[in-house]
């Protein structure tokens, strides 16, 4: 009963944080300043941290760690907890991301414009334009790198947990789980 009450409190904290972020987003719409967007960014980071903590509290991590420490075979639910802890963020990001094609198009457009500048003299105006195009390309590239990194992390995890886990693997996984629990990132 006590755990259920604690989970309800945690859920309410996440919801309150979300409401605050939405209020800050309205403020950003009304007054577009870097300060307002920085406040919103901080609030979004707080929501993510709260959500991570609630996820951790809803998983039976201690039982998983016990099995890893004792090198006991992991059942499918144990593997699911391990997956959520290690690559859950990546898998859910991939599941809900919808702008991949747009990022590729933005990068292609920026690179095409960069290419078109090669045929003209690079005066100050064109050099500044080149810098702006490089900034646009950089933004798309950052999103693409993040996306493909998430995809590769998820694939590596799936591949590494297909077979049996040896003694070194159990020790390594237990270490990863403990480090993730101690970290502010999951």
Protein backbone atom coordinates (compact mmCIF):
# COMPACT_ATOMS: atom_id res chain seq x y z
CA UNK A 1 0.00 0.00 0.00
CA UNK A 2 2.82 2.38 0.89
CA UNK A 3 4.52 1.80 -2.49
CA UNK A 4 1.27 2.47 -4.33
CA UNK A 5 0.86 5.79 -2.49
CA UNK A 6 4.48 6.70 -3.29
CA UNK A 7 3.93 5.88 -6.98
CA UNK A 8 0.82 8.05 -7.01
CA UNK A 9 2.82 10.93 -5.56
CA UNK A 10 5.55 10.42 -8.18
CA UNK A 11 2.97 10.29 -10.96
CA UNK A 12 1.44 13.56 -9.69
CA UNK A 13 4.88 15.18 -9.63
CA UNK A 14 5.47 14.23 -13.26
CA UNK A 15 2.06 15.60 -14.21
CA UNK A 16 2.72 18.85 -12.30
CA UNK A 17 6.07 19.21 -14.06
CA UNK A 18 4.37 18.65 -17.39
CA UNK A 19 1.77 21.32 -16.64
CA UNK A 20 4.56 23.73 -15.71
CA UNK A 21 6.35 23.00 -18.99
CA UNK A 22 3.18 23.67 -20.95
CA UNK A 23 2.74 26.98 -19.11
CA UNK A 24 6.34 27.88 -19.94
CA UNK A 25 5.71 26.94 -23.57
CA UNK A 26 2.81 29.38 -23.64
CA UNK A 27 5.11 32.05 -22.25
CA UNK A 28 7.61 31.23 -25.01
CA UNK A 29 4.88 31.70 -27.61
CA UNK A 30 3.88 35.03 -26.11
CA UNK A 31 7.43 36.31 -25.66
CA UNK A 32 10.08 34.60 -27.73
CA UNK A 33 13.26 35.17 -25.75
CA UNK A 34 16.26 32.98 -25.18
CA UNK A 35 15.61 33.15 -21.42
CA UNK A 36 12.07 31.83 -21.79
CA UNK A 37 13.24 28.98 -23.99
CA UNK A 38 16.06 28.17 -21.57
CA UNK A 39 13.52 27.97 -18.72
CA UNK A 40 11.41 25.65 -20.84
CA UNK A 41 14.44 23.53 -21.68
CA UNK A 42 15.28 23.20 -17.97
CA UNK A 43 11.71 22.17 -17.19
CA UNK A 44 11.71 19.56 -19.96
CA UNK A 45 14.97 18.18 -18.53
CA UNK A 46 13.31 17.98 -15.10
CA UNK A 47 10.32 16.12 -16.53
CA UNK A 48 12.63 13.64 -18.21
CA UNK A 49 14.54 13.08 -14.95
CA UNK A 50 11.30 12.61 -13.01
CA UNK A 51 9.98 10.16 -15.60
CA UNK A 52 13.24 8.20 -15.41
CA UNK A 53 12.98 7.98 -11.63
CA UNK A 54 9.36 6.82 -11.78
CA UNK A 55 10.23 4.18 -14.38
CA UNK A 56 13.03 2.92 -12.14
CA UNK A 57 10.68 2.77 -9.14
CA UNK A 58 8.16 0.71 -11.12
CA UNK A 59 10.73 -1.90 -12.17
CA UNK A 60 11.98 -4.70 -9.93
CA UNK A 61 15.61 -3.75 -10.38
CA UNK A 62 16.78 -5.31 -7.11
CA UNK A 63 15.57 -8.75 -8.19
CA UNK A 64 17.31 -8.29 -11.53
CA UNK A 65 20.56 -7.26 -9.84
CA UNK A 66 20.31 -10.30 -7.57
CA UNK A 67 20.05 -12.60 -10.58
CA UNK A 68 22.92 -10.83 -12.34
CA UNK A 69 25.12 -11.02 -9.23
CA UNK A 70 24.32 -14.70 -8.76
CA UNK A 71 24.70 -15.32 -12.51
CA UNK A 72 21.24 -16.88 -12.69
CA UNK A 73 19.50 -17.30 -16.00
CA UNK A 74 17.37 -14.31 -16.95
CA UNK A 75 13.72 -14.90 -17.77
CA UNK A 76 12.00 -12.80 -20.47
CA UNK A 77 10.64 -10.30 -17.89
CA UNK A 78 14.18 -9.84 -16.52
CA UNK A 79 15.51 -9.24 -20.03
CA UNK A 80 12.73 -6.70 -20.61
CA UNK A 81 13.74 -4.78 -17.47
CA UNK A 82 17.37 -4.90 -18.58
CA UNK A 83 16.35 -3.69 -22.04
CA UNK A 84 14.30 -0.82 -20.61
CA UNK A 85 17.19 0.25 -18.40
CA UNK A 86 19.92 0.04 -21.02
CA UNK A 87 18.26 0.96 -24.32
CA UNK A 88 14.65 1.78 -23.45
CA UNK A 89 15.25 5.48 -24.05
CA UNK A 90 16.64 4.72 -27.51
CA UNK A 91 13.87 2.30 -28.44
CA UNK A 92 11.09 4.65 -27.41
CA UNK A 93 12.78 7.56 -29.13
CA UNK A 94 12.91 5.54 -32.36
CA UNK A 95 9.32 4.39 -31.91
CA UNK A 96 7.93 7.92 -31.70
CA UNK A 97 10.37 9.93 -33.83
CA UNK A 98 8.66 11.25 -36.95
CA UNK A 99 11.06 13.80 -38.44
CA UNK A 100 13.79 11.59 -39.92
CA UNK A 101 12.78 12.30 -43.52
CA UNK A 102 12.58 16.03 -42.77
CA UNK A 103 16.11 16.07 -41.29
CA UNK A 104 17.45 14.27 -44.35
CA UNK A 105 15.71 16.77 -46.63
CA UNK A 106 17.01 19.75 -44.64
CA UNK A 107 20.55 18.38 -44.80
CA UNK A 108 20.28 17.71 -48.53
CA UNK A 109 19.00 21.25 -49.14
CA UNK A 110 21.78 22.84 -47.08
CA UNK A 111 24.44 20.76 -48.85
CA UNK A 112 23.00 21.63 -52.26
CA UNK A 113 23.15 25.33 -51.39
CA UNK A 114 26.71 24.91 -50.13
CA UNK A 115 27.57 23.22 -53.40
CA UNK A 116 26.03 26.09 -55.38
CA UNK A 117 28.33 28.56 -53.63
CA UNK A 118 31.38 26.81 -55.08
CA UNK A 119 30.77 28.37 -58.49
CA UNK A 120 31.03 31.96 -57.33
CA UNK A 121 33.59 34.22 -55.74
CA UNK A 122 33.57 33.97 -51.98
CA UNK A 123 33.04 37.53 -50.88
CA UNK A 124 31.98 38.44 -47.34
CA UNK A 125 28.28 37.97 -48.10
CA UNK A 126 28.77 34.50 -49.58
CA UNK A 127 31.12 33.46 -46.79
CA UNK A 128 28.58 34.50 -44.19
CA UNK A 129 25.91 32.66 -46.17
CA UNK A 130 28.19 29.60 -46.17
CA UNK A 131 28.51 29.85 -42.40
CA UNK A 132 24.73 30.02 -42.04
CA UNK A 133 24.32 26.98 -44.30
CA UNK A 134 26.92 25.10 -42.29
CA UNK A 135 24.91 25.90 -39.15
CA UNK A 136 21.76 24.53 -40.81
CA UNK A 137 23.61 21.39 -41.88
CA UNK A 138 25.02 21.00 -38.38
CA UNK A 139 21.54 21.11 -36.82
CA UNK A 140 20.25 18.39 -39.16
CA UNK A 141 23.39 16.33 -38.67
CA UNK A 142 23.04 16.50 -34.87
CA UNK A 143 19.51 15.13 -35.10
CA UNK A 144 20.55 12.44 -37.59
CA UNK A 145 23.55 11.36 -35.51
CA UNK A 146 21.36 11.12 -32.40
CA UNK A 147 18.74 9.09 -34.28
CA UNK A 148 21.21 6.63 -35.81
CA UNK A 149 23.10 6.29 -32.54
CA UNK A 150 19.85 5.30 -30.83
CA UNK A 151 19.10 2.80 -33.58
CA UNK A 152 22.57 1.27 -33.37
CA UNK A 153 22.45 1.06 -29.55
CA UNK A 154 19.13 -0.77 -29.66
CA UNK A 155 20.36 -3.17 -32.34
CA UNK A 156 23.59 -3.92 -30.43
CA UNK A 157 21.63 -4.66 -27.28
CA UNK A 158 19.30 -7.04 -29.12
CA UNK A 159 22.25 -8.83 -30.71
CA UNK A 160 24.17 -9.11 -27.44
CA UNK A 161 21.24 -10.63 -25.53
CA UNK A 162 20.23 -13.23 -28.11
CA UNK A 163 22.42 -16.01 -26.75
CA UNK A 164 23.40 -17.10 -23.29
CA UNK A 165 25.27 -14.76 -21.00
CA UNK A 166 28.65 -15.81 -19.65
CA UNK A 167 30.05 -14.99 -16.18
CA UNK A 168 31.82 -11.89 -17.48
CA UNK A 169 28.62 -10.76 -19.16
CA UNK A 170 26.61 -11.04 -15.92
CA UNK A 171 29.24 -8.98 -14.08
CA UNK A 172 29.33 -6.40 -16.85
CA UNK A 173 25.52 -6.09 -16.98
CA UNK A 174 25.26 -5.72 -13.19
CA UNK A 175 27.90 -2.98 -13.36
CA UNK A 176 25.99 -1.17 -16.12
CA UNK A 177 22.70 -1.34 -14.20
CA UNK A 178 24.32 -0.02 -11.02
CA UNK A 179 26.02 2.82 -12.92
CA UNK A 180 22.75 3.73 -14.59
CA UNK A 181 20.95 3.83 -11.25
CA UNK A 182 23.65 6.11 -9.86
CA UNK A 183 23.60 8.33 -12.94
CA UNK A 184 21.21 11.17 -13.71
CA UNK A 185 20.69 9.56 -17.11
CA UNK A 186 19.15 6.21 -17.87
